[in-house]
Structures are given as structure tokens and as C-alpha cells.
Amino acid sequence: MKKKSGQNFILKDIKKLLIGQTATIIKEVDSRFITERGITDKKFGDARKETESLLSQQTIVILGAVDEKLEQTKKEFKQEINGLRISVDKFVGFYTKQDQEFTIMKEHMKRLEARLEKIEVKLA
């Protein structure tokens, strides 16, 4: 029976030692995980800041290109509108000239008709 109680004593001691060793290992692993997490969080934080900076720079470049294209489009639009205005002005000028010539021809026709009536009266 002494063997059994001695074995129980040794098993109890071994169990205590293993429990203590396990607790120490778990604490050390937790500590390392916490340390690694801090390093990982810092790396992700730095990467996030760098990514945000790059995205901000890219946004500025894109908006600059859009502004340039918009200004170019405005300029082209103004040129086309100006071309249309010139064409309309020419058409209105031509129409006005034609209208004036028509009015002159109408007056000239009235005079010719009056002369023709005088000639018809003389012949009659």
C-alpha cells in the first residue's frame, strides 16, 4: 500500500508541475500573441495610412485630369457655338440683303407697271 500512496504522491506532484508548466506556457504564448498583435496592428495601421495617402494623391490626379478635360470641352463647345453664331449672322445678313433687293425690285416693278399703263393709255 505504501507504493500506492507514494505513487499517488508522485502523480500528484507531476500533475501539479504539469499544470504549472501548462499555465506558464499559456501565459507566454498569450504574451507573444499580444506582442505580435501590437506589431501587426502597427503594420496594418501604417499600411492603411500609406494606402489612404496614395488614394488621396490618386484622387487629386484624377480630379485634375477631369478638370482639364472639362475645360477643354468647354473651350470646344464655345468654339462651336461661336461658329454657329457666325453662320447665323451670315444667314441673317444674306436674308436681309435679299429682302432689301426684293423690296427694291418690287418698287421698280411698280414703276414699270405705271409706265406700262401710261403707254397703254397713249395707245388706246
Protein backbone atom coordinates (compact mmCIF):
# COMPACT_ATOMS: atom_id res chain seq x y z
CA MET A 1 0.00 0.00 0.00
CA LYS A 2 2.86 2.27 0.52
CA LYS A 3 3.61 2.06 -3.12
CA LYS A 4 0.16 3.24 -3.98
CA SER A 5 0.31 6.25 -1.72
CA GLY A 6 3.83 7.01 -2.91
CA GLN A 7 2.74 6.69 -6.49
CA ASN A 8 -0.23 8.90 -5.78
CA PHE A 9 2.13 11.44 -4.25
CA ILE A 10 4.40 11.37 -7.27
CA LEU A 11 1.42 11.56 -9.66
CA LYS A 12 0.01 14.48 -7.69
CA ASP A 13 3.36 16.27 -7.86
CA ILE A 14 3.70 15.54 -11.56
CA LYS A 15 0.13 16.75 -12.14
CA LYS A 16 0.86 20.00 -10.23
CA LEU A 17 4.09 20.50 -12.11
CA LEU A 18 2.36 19.89 -15.45
CA ILE A 19 -0.48 22.25 -14.56
CA GLY A 20 2.05 24.93 -13.56
CA GLN A 21 4.10 24.35 -16.69
CA THR A 22 0.96 24.50 -18.86
CA ALA A 23 -0.12 27.76 -17.20
CA THR A 24 3.36 29.25 -17.76
CA ILE A 25 3.38 28.18 -21.41
CA ILE A 26 -0.12 29.58 -21.97
CA LYS A 27 0.86 32.89 -20.34
CA GLU A 28 3.97 33.09 -22.53
CA VAL A 29 2.02 32.25 -25.70
CA ASP A 30 -0.62 34.87 -24.78
CA SER A 31 2.13 37.42 -24.16
CA ARG A 32 3.70 36.67 -27.53
CA PHE A 33 0.31 36.85 -29.27
CA ILE A 34 -0.32 40.23 -27.64
CA THR A 35 3.13 41.45 -28.72
CA GLU A 36 2.65 40.12 -32.25
CA ARG A 37 -0.82 41.62 -32.43
CA GLY A 38 0.61 45.01 -31.46
CA ILE A 39 3.24 44.72 -34.18
CA THR A 40 0.64 43.52 -36.70
CA ASP A 41 -1.76 46.32 -35.75
CA LYS A 42 1.03 48.87 -36.19
CA LYS A 43 1.96 47.43 -39.58
CA PHE A 44 -1.69 47.44 -40.68
CA GLY A 45 -2.09 50.98 -39.34
CA ASP A 46 0.97 52.12 -41.27
CA ALA A 47 -0.21 50.33 -44.39
CA ARG A 48 -3.66 51.90 -44.01
CA LYS A 49 -2.19 55.39 -43.68
CA GLU A 50 0.00 54.82 -46.72
CA THR A 51 -2.97 53.48 -48.70
CA GLU A 52 -5.11 56.46 -47.70
CA SER A 53 -2.31 58.80 -48.73
CA LEU A 54 -1.95 57.08 -52.11
CA LEU A 55 -5.70 57.13 -52.67
CA SER A 56 -5.78 60.82 -51.80
CA GLN A 57 -2.98 61.52 -54.28
CA GLN A 58 -4.75 59.44 -56.92
CA THR A 59 -7.99 61.33 -56.31
CA ILE A 60 -6.17 64.64 -56.81
CA VAL A 61 -4.65 63.41 -60.07
CA ILE A 62 -7.99 62.10 -61.36
CA LEU A 63 -9.84 65.29 -60.43
CA GLY A 64 -7.12 67.34 -62.10
CA ALA A 65 -7.49 65.31 -65.29
CA VAL A 66 -11.27 65.66 -65.16
CA ASP A 67 -10.94 69.44 -64.68
CA GLU A 68 -8.59 69.67 -67.68
CA LYS A 69 -10.96 67.64 -69.85
CA LEU A 70 -13.91 69.73 -68.70
CA GLU A 71 -12.09 72.96 -69.56
CA GLN A 72 -11.12 71.54 -72.96
CA THR A 73 -14.74 70.51 -73.59
CA LYS A 74 -15.97 73.98 -72.56
CA LYS A 75 -13.47 75.58 -74.93
CA GLU A 76 -14.53 73.33 -77.82
CA PHE A 77 -18.19 73.99 -77.04
CA LYS A 78 -17.61 77.76 -77.05
CA GLN A 79 -15.80 77.48 -80.39
CA GLU A 80 -18.67 75.52 -81.91
CA ILE A 81 -21.26 77.96 -80.52
CA ASN A 82 -19.19 80.85 -81.91
CA GLY A 83 -19.09 79.10 -85.32
CA LEU A 84 -22.86 78.66 -85.25
CA ARG A 85 -23.33 82.32 -84.26
CA ILE A 86 -21.17 83.42 -87.18
CA SER A 87 -23.16 81.18 -89.56
CA VAL A 88 -26.47 82.56 -88.26
CA ASP A 89 -25.16 86.14 -88.56
CA LYS A 90 -24.13 85.47 -92.18
CA PHE A 91 -27.52 83.93 -92.95
CA VAL A 92 -29.38 86.84 -91.38
CA GLY A 93 -27.17 89.28 -93.31
CA PHE A 94 -27.81 87.41 -96.55
CA TYR A 95 -31.56 87.24 -95.84
CA THR A 96 -31.67 90.94 -95.01
CA LYS A 97 -29.83 91.78 -98.24
CA GLN A 98 -32.20 89.58 -100.26
CA ASP A 99 -35.19 91.21 -98.57
CA GLN A 100 -33.85 94.68 -99.40
CA GLU A 101 -33.23 93.67 -103.00
CA PHE A 102 -36.74 92.22 -103.20
CA THR A 103 -38.18 95.48 -101.86
CA ILE A 104 -36.19 97.48 -104.45
CA MET A 105 -37.34 95.13 -107.23
CA LYS A 106 -40.93 95.48 -106.03
CA GLU A 107 -40.67 99.28 -106.22
CA HIS A 108 -39.03 99.02 -109.63
CA MET A 109 -41.84 96.73 -110.78
CA LYS A 110 -44.46 99.23 -109.59
CA ARG A 111 -42.76 101.96 -111.65
CA LEU A 112 -42.65 99.70 -114.71
CA GLU A 113 -46.34 98.88 -114.29
CA ALA A 114 -47.13 102.60 -114.03
CA ARG A 115 -45.18 103.28 -117.25
CA LEU A 116 -46.87 100.39 -118.95
CA GLU A 117 -50.29 101.80 -118.00
CA LYS A 118 -49.29 105.22 -119.43
CA ILE A 119 -48.18 103.58 -122.66
CA GLU A 120 -51.43 101.61 -122.88
CA VAL A 121 -53.43 104.83 -122.35
CA LYS A 122 -51.50 106.58 -125.12
CA LEU A 123 -52.07 103.67 -127.49
CA ALA A 124 -55.71 103.46 -126.75
